[in-house]
């Protein structure tokens, strides 16, 4: 149960950061690579909002590298 709360906290933090990123940066800058696929802020947001396995991996990686 603690993991799910932690995951929700990560999602909320990601969304707060996302809201402050300029639109041009959201669509162009690659922030993470998961399973050899690059993700921009926009594509990462889609995966995270849809609660996919890839979205969960993205959150873990972003936390590991210090973004979250």
C-alpha atoms as a PDB file:
ATOM      1  CA  UNK A   1       0.000   0.000   0.000  1.00  0.00           C
ATOM      2  CA  UNK A   2       2.879   2.378   0.725  1.00  0.00           C
ATOM      3  CA  UNK A   3       4.203   1.842  -2.834  1.00  0.00           C
ATOM      4  CA  UNK A   4       0.921   2.986  -4.355  1.00  0.00           C
ATOM      5  CA  UNK A   5       0.881   6.160  -2.285  1.00  0.00           C
ATOM      6  CA  UNK A   6       4.462   6.761  -3.247  1.00  0.00           C
ATOM      7  CA  UNK A   7       3.555   6.239  -6.905  1.00  0.00           C
ATOM      8  CA  UNK A   8       0.675   8.724  -6.597  1.00  0.00           C
ATOM      9  CA  UNK A   9       3.075  11.238  -5.032  1.00  0.00           C
ATOM     10  CA  UNK A  10       5.467  10.754  -7.955  1.00  0.00           C
ATOM     11  CA  UNK A  11       2.633  11.262 -10.457  1.00  0.00           C
ATOM     12  CA  UNK A  12       1.543  14.478  -8.762  1.00  0.00           C
ATOM     13  CA  UNK A  13       5.093  15.789  -8.628  1.00  0.00           C
ATOM     14  CA  UNK A  14       5.594  14.943 -12.321  1.00  0.00           C
ATOM     15  CA  UNK A  15       2.388  16.775 -13.236  1.00  0.00           C
ATOM     16  CA  UNK A  16       3.405  19.860 -11.246  1.00  0.00           C
ATOM     17  CA  UNK A  17       6.796  19.934 -12.989  1.00  0.00           C
ATOM     18  CA  UNK A  18       5.138  19.293 -16.369  1.00  0.00           C
ATOM     19  CA  UNK A  19       2.802  22.269 -15.878  1.00  0.00           C
ATOM     20  CA  UNK A  20       5.814  24.590 -15.552  1.00  0.00           C
ATOM     21  CA  UNK A  21       7.667  23.334 -18.638  1.00  0.00           C
ATOM     22  CA  UNK A  22       7.292  25.477 -21.802  1.00  0.00           C
ATOM     23  CA  UNK A  23       5.243  23.754 -24.541  1.00  0.00           C
ATOM     24  CA  UNK A  24       8.165  23.739 -26.980  1.00  0.00           C
ATOM     25  CA  UNK A  25      10.352  21.893 -24.462  1.00  0.00           C
ATOM     26  CA  UNK A  26       7.562  19.415 -23.641  1.00  0.00           C
ATOM     27  CA  UNK A  27       7.295  18.283 -27.227  1.00  0.00           C
ATOM     28  CA  UNK A  28      10.963  18.334 -28.245  1.00  0.00           C
ATOM     29  CA  UNK A  29      13.222  17.406 -25.337  1.00  0.00           C
ATOM     30  CA  UNK A  30      13.675  13.716 -24.583  1.00  0.00           C
ATOM     31  CA  UNK A  31      13.650  13.236 -20.823  1.00  0.00           C
ATOM     32  CA  UNK A  32      13.933   9.468 -20.527  1.00  0.00           C
ATOM     33  CA  UNK A  33      14.553   6.304 -22.555  1.00  0.00           C
ATOM     34  CA  UNK A  34      12.594   3.184 -21.593  1.00  0.00           C
ATOM     35  CA  UNK A  35      13.118  -0.140 -23.381  1.00  0.00           C
ATOM     36  CA  UNK A  36      15.164   1.649 -26.063  1.00  0.00           C
ATOM     37  CA  UNK A  37      12.301   4.079 -26.792  1.00  0.00           C
ATOM     38  CA  UNK A  38      12.760   7.831 -26.217  1.00  0.00           C
ATOM     39  CA  UNK A  39      10.058   9.762 -24.363  1.00  0.00           C
ATOM     40  CA  UNK A  40       9.482  13.513 -24.396  1.00  0.00           C
ATOM     41  CA  UNK A  41       7.644  15.260 -21.576  1.00  0.00           C
ATOM     42  CA  UNK A  42       4.411  14.937 -23.605  1.00  0.00           C
ATOM     43  CA  UNK A  43       4.744  11.236 -24.355  1.00  0.00           C
ATOM     44  CA  UNK A  44       5.819  10.533 -20.780  1.00  0.00           C
ATOM     45  CA  UNK A  45       2.701  12.380 -19.552  1.00  0.00           C
ATOM     46  CA  UNK A  46       0.459  10.187 -21.714  1.00  0.00           C
ATOM     47  CA  UNK A  47       2.020   6.997 -20.345  1.00  0.00           C
ATOM     48  CA  UNK A  48       1.851   8.233 -16.741  1.00  0.00           C
ATOM     49  CA  UNK A  49      -1.755   9.486 -17.009  1.00  0.00           C
ATOM     50  CA  UNK A  50      -2.844   6.161 -18.534  1.00  0.00           C
ATOM     51  CA  UNK A  51      -1.138   4.303 -15.672  1.00  0.00           C
ATOM     52  CA  UNK A  52       0.737   1.982 -18.038  1.00  0.00           C
ATOM     53  CA  UNK A  53       3.678  -0.237 -17.117  1.00  0.00           C
ATOM     54  CA  UNK A  54       5.856   2.071 -19.205  1.00  0.00           C
ATOM     55  CA  UNK A  55       4.521   5.041 -17.229  1.00  0.00           C
ATOM     56  CA  UNK A  56       5.529   3.319 -13.989  1.00  0.00           C
ATOM     57  CA  UNK A  57       9.021   2.685 -15.390  1.00  0.00           C
ATOM     58  CA  UNK A  58       9.276   6.337 -16.418  1.00  0.00           C
ATOM     59  CA  UNK A  59       8.404   7.485 -12.888  1.00  0.00           C
ATOM     60  CA  UNK A  60      11.007   5.140 -11.384  1.00  0.00           C
ATOM     61  CA  UNK A  61      13.716   6.349 -13.750  1.00  0.00           C
ATOM     62  CA  UNK A  62      12.884  10.026 -13.198  1.00  0.00           C
ATOM     63  CA  UNK A  63      13.052   9.482  -9.457  1.00  0.00           C
ATOM     64  CA  UNK A  64      16.369   7.642  -9.766  1.00  0.00           C
ATOM     65  CA  UNK A  65      17.966  10.452 -11.780  1.00  0.00           C
ATOM     66  CA  UNK A  66      16.690  13.099  -9.359  1.00  0.00           C
ATOM     67  CA  UNK A  67      13.926  14.770 -11.368  1.00  0.00           C
ATOM     68  CA  UNK A  68      11.242  13.524  -8.960  1.00  0.00           C
END
